């Protein structure tokens, strides 16, 4: 059974930094591509960043490019999202996600999701 458990969300002020973590189990993590998404009540869930199984290929939404950085620790089955210079528009529930096959590119509607972690940024 695939489990993705996010942590690290909290309330911060504009300009602060946060690092989110996602601990994965029930899958062959070192050969799974991983992604982060976010959602607010007013918007559909949106893509934030993806990282391939090796950690060498990363992709970011334009809105977070240069501020957010995705990374992974394959020895500990964990993917991270370092978020710098946070802004109020980054307020959302952040989700970790992956697909159902090794090496499969993370789509905009991945197969597996975590329960999410709340990030709130005040001005």
C-alpha atoms as a PDB file:
ATOM      1  CA  UNK A   1       0.000   0.000   0.000  1.00  0.00           C
ATOM      2  CA  UNK A   2       1.471   3.303  -1.119  1.00  0.00           C
ATOM      3  CA  UNK A   3       1.663   5.958   1.583  1.00  0.00           C
ATOM      4  CA  UNK A   4       2.865   9.520   1.189  1.00  0.00           C
ATOM      5  CA  UNK A   5       3.063  11.600   4.357  1.00  0.00           C
ATOM      6  CA  UNK A   6       3.792  15.305   4.115  1.00  0.00           C
ATOM      7  CA  UNK A   7       5.081  17.448   6.963  1.00  0.00           C
ATOM      8  CA  UNK A   8       6.603  20.838   7.604  1.00  0.00           C
ATOM      9  CA  UNK A   9       3.718  23.150   6.838  1.00  0.00           C
ATOM     10  CA  UNK A  10       3.088  26.072   9.180  1.00  0.00           C
ATOM     11  CA  UNK A  11       2.117  29.735   9.357  1.00  0.00           C
ATOM     12  CA  UNK A  12       4.881  32.137   8.355  1.00  0.00           C
ATOM     13  CA  UNK A  13       5.347  35.734   7.238  1.00  0.00           C
ATOM     14  CA  UNK A  14       6.115  36.984   3.750  1.00  0.00           C
ATOM     15  CA  UNK A  15       9.794  36.586   2.950  1.00  0.00           C
ATOM     16  CA  UNK A  16      10.259  33.571   5.239  1.00  0.00           C
ATOM     17  CA  UNK A  17      11.421  30.130   4.168  1.00  0.00           C
ATOM     18  CA  UNK A  18      10.046  26.659   4.829  1.00  0.00           C
ATOM     19  CA  UNK A  19      11.073  23.138   3.937  1.00  0.00           C
ATOM     20  CA  UNK A  20       8.382  20.556   3.350  1.00  0.00           C
ATOM     21  CA  UNK A  21       9.089  16.845   3.555  1.00  0.00           C
ATOM     22  CA  UNK A  22       7.260  13.848   2.123  1.00  0.00           C
ATOM     23  CA  UNK A  23       8.016  10.404   3.495  1.00  0.00           C
ATOM     24  CA  UNK A  24       7.089   7.607   1.100  1.00  0.00           C
ATOM     25  CA  UNK A  25       6.447   3.935   1.763  1.00  0.00           C
ATOM     26  CA  UNK A  26       4.936   0.968  -0.038  1.00  0.00           C
ATOM     27  CA  UNK A  27       6.701   1.725  -3.310  1.00  0.00           C
ATOM     28  CA  UNK A  28      10.118   1.448  -4.913  1.00  0.00           C
ATOM     29  CA  UNK A  29      10.958   5.031  -4.080  1.00  0.00           C
ATOM     30  CA  UNK A  30      14.443   5.230  -5.684  1.00  0.00           C
ATOM     31  CA  UNK A  31      12.940   4.555  -9.130  1.00  0.00           C
ATOM     32  CA  UNK A  32       9.787   6.674  -8.767  1.00  0.00           C
ATOM     33  CA  UNK A  33       9.438  10.178 -10.129  1.00  0.00           C
ATOM     34  CA  UNK A  34       7.895  12.498  -7.544  1.00  0.00           C
ATOM     35  CA  UNK A  35       5.964  15.743  -7.533  1.00  0.00           C
ATOM     36  CA  UNK A  36       4.586  18.530  -5.356  1.00  0.00           C
ATOM     37  CA  UNK A  37       1.242  20.175  -5.970  1.00  0.00           C
ATOM     38  CA  UNK A  38      -0.819  22.734  -4.073  1.00  0.00           C
ATOM     39  CA  UNK A  39      -4.449  23.702  -3.694  1.00  0.00           C
ATOM     40  CA  UNK A  40      -6.484  26.562  -2.265  1.00  0.00           C
ATOM     41  CA  UNK A  41     -10.263  26.598  -1.769  1.00  0.00           C
ATOM     42  CA  UNK A  42     -10.613  28.983  -4.712  1.00  0.00           C
ATOM     43  CA  UNK A  43      -8.474  27.053  -7.183  1.00  0.00           C
ATOM     44  CA  UNK A  44      -8.024  23.600  -8.586  1.00  0.00           C
ATOM     45  CA  UNK A  45      -4.990  21.653  -7.480  1.00  0.00           C
ATOM     46  CA  UNK A  46      -1.972  23.021  -9.344  1.00  0.00           C
ATOM     47  CA  UNK A  47       1.435  21.720 -10.241  1.00  0.00           C
ATOM     48  CA  UNK A  48       4.378  23.098  -8.257  1.00  0.00           C
ATOM     49  CA  UNK A  49       7.443  20.962  -9.016  1.00  0.00           C
ATOM     50  CA  UNK A  50       8.570  17.507 -10.096  1.00  0.00           C
ATOM     51  CA  UNK A  51      11.796  15.569  -9.778  1.00  0.00           C
ATOM     52  CA  UNK A  52      12.841  12.460 -11.620  1.00  0.00           C
ATOM     53  CA  UNK A  53      13.970   9.273  -9.903  1.00  0.00           C
ATOM     54  CA  UNK A  54      17.665  10.188 -10.151  1.00  0.00           C
ATOM     55  CA  UNK A  55      17.243  13.711  -8.864  1.00  0.00           C
ATOM     56  CA  UNK A  56      18.904  15.143 -11.974  1.00  0.00           C
ATOM     57  CA  UNK A  57      15.826  16.407 -13.821  1.00  0.00           C
ATOM     58  CA  UNK A  58      13.555  18.949 -12.156  1.00  0.00           C
ATOM     59  CA  UNK A  59      10.648  20.996 -13.389  1.00  0.00           C
ATOM     60  CA  UNK A  60       8.954  23.997 -11.756  1.00  0.00           C
ATOM     61  CA  UNK A  61       5.839  26.045 -12.212  1.00  0.00           C
ATOM     62  CA  UNK A  62       6.587  29.550 -13.447  1.00  0.00           C
ATOM     63  CA  UNK A  63       5.106  30.994 -10.262  1.00  0.00           C
ATOM     64  CA  UNK A  64       7.726  29.340  -8.043  1.00  0.00           C
ATOM     65  CA  UNK A  65      10.736  29.211 -10.381  1.00  0.00           C
ATOM     66  CA  UNK A  66      13.821  30.543  -8.612  1.00  0.00           C
ATOM     67  CA  UNK A  67      12.171  30.504  -5.168  1.00  0.00           C
ATOM     68  CA  UNK A  68      11.250  26.838  -4.639  1.00  0.00           C
ATOM     69  CA  UNK A  69      13.643  23.917  -4.946  1.00  0.00           C
ATOM     70  CA  UNK A  70      12.741  20.224  -5.045  1.00  0.00           C
ATOM     71  CA  UNK A  71      15.160  17.521  -3.931  1.00  0.00           C
ATOM     72  CA  UNK A  72      15.132  13.936  -2.761  1.00  0.00           C
ATOM     73  CA  UNK A  73      16.926  11.500  -0.469  1.00  0.00           C
ATOM     74  CA  UNK A  74      16.597   8.052  -1.991  1.00  0.00           C
ATOM     75  CA  UNK A  75      18.298   6.396   0.969  1.00  0.00           C
ATOM     76  CA  UNK A  76      15.499   7.614   3.239  1.00  0.00           C
ATOM     77  CA  UNK A  77      12.566   7.533   0.789  1.00  0.00           C
ATOM     78  CA  UNK A  78      11.921  11.243   1.206  1.00  0.00           C
ATOM     79  CA  UNK A  79      11.297  14.130  -1.171  1.00  0.00           C
ATOM     80  CA  UNK A  80      11.634  17.752  -0.096  1.00  0.00           C
ATOM     81  CA  UNK A  81      10.378  21.134  -1.193  1.00  0.00           C
ATOM     82  CA  UNK A  82      12.504  24.072  -0.075  1.00  0.00           C
ATOM     83  CA  UNK A  83      10.404  27.233  -0.302  1.00  0.00           C
ATOM     84  CA  UNK A  84      12.164  30.599  -0.089  1.00  0.00           C
ATOM     85  CA  UNK A  85      10.842  34.149  -0.127  1.00  0.00           C
ATOM     86  CA  UNK A  86       7.317  32.932   0.539  1.00  0.00           C
ATOM     87  CA  UNK A  87       4.484  35.215  -0.484  1.00  0.00           C
ATOM     88  CA  UNK A  88       0.806  35.332   0.548  1.00  0.00           C
ATOM     89  CA  UNK A  89      -0.163  33.823  -2.806  1.00  0.00           C
ATOM     90  CA  UNK A  90       1.794  30.705  -1.842  1.00  0.00           C
ATOM     91  CA  UNK A  91      -0.770  29.993   0.869  1.00  0.00           C
ATOM     92  CA  UNK A  92      -2.225  26.565   0.127  1.00  0.00           C
ATOM     93  CA  UNK A  93      -2.334  22.933   1.128  1.00  0.00           C
ATOM     94  CA  UNK A  94       0.732  21.280  -0.355  1.00  0.00           C
ATOM     95  CA  UNK A  95       0.563  17.696  -1.587  1.00  0.00           C
ATOM     96  CA  UNK A  96       3.186  15.140  -2.468  1.00  0.00           C
ATOM     97  CA  UNK A  97       2.319  12.823  -5.360  1.00  0.00           C
ATOM     98  CA  UNK A  98       3.590  10.037  -7.558  1.00  0.00           C
ATOM     99  CA  UNK A  99       2.476   7.673 -10.277  1.00  0.00           C
ATOM    100  CA  UNK A 100       1.792   3.943 -10.270  1.00  0.00           C
ATOM    101  CA  UNK A 101       4.800   2.844 -12.311  1.00  0.00           C
ATOM    102  CA  UNK A 102       8.551   3.236 -11.882  1.00  0.00           C
ATOM    103  CA  UNK A 103      10.173   5.889 -14.073  1.00  0.00           C
ATOM    104  CA  UNK A 104       6.751   7.180 -15.163  1.00  0.00           C
ATOM    105  CA  UNK A 105       6.669  10.924 -15.661  1.00  0.00           C
ATOM    106  CA  UNK A 106       4.502  12.632 -13.035  1.00  0.00           C
ATOM    107  CA  UNK A 107       1.365  13.818 -14.814  1.00  0.00           C
ATOM    108  CA  UNK A 108      -0.859  16.707 -13.794  1.00  0.00           C
ATOM    109  CA  UNK A 109      -3.202  14.103 -12.242  1.00  0.00           C
ATOM    110  CA  UNK A 110      -0.928  11.604 -10.487  1.00  0.00           C
ATOM    111  CA  UNK A 111      -2.175   8.270  -9.208  1.00  0.00           C
ATOM    112  CA  UNK A 112      -1.137   8.613  -5.556  1.00  0.00           C
ATOM    113  CA  UNK A 113      -1.428  11.591  -3.190  1.00  0.00           C
ATOM    114  CA  UNK A 114      -0.539  12.361   0.377  1.00  0.00           C
ATOM    115  CA  UNK A 115      -2.952  13.967   2.824  1.00  0.00           C
ATOM    116  CA  UNK A 116      -1.389  17.408   2.441  1.00  0.00           C
ATOM    117  CA  UNK A 117       0.270  19.926   4.732  1.00  0.00           C
ATOM    118  CA  UNK A 118      -0.995  23.489   5.215  1.00  0.00           C
ATOM    119  CA  UNK A 119       1.209  26.481   4.468  1.00  0.00           C
ATOM    120  CA  UNK A 120      -0.118  29.917   5.402  1.00  0.00           C
ATOM    121  CA  UNK A 121       1.807  33.069   4.509  1.00  0.00           C
ATOM    122  CA  UNK A 122       0.784  36.423   5.964  1.00  0.00           C
ATOM    123  CA  UNK A 123       1.860  39.795   4.636  1.00  0.00           C
END
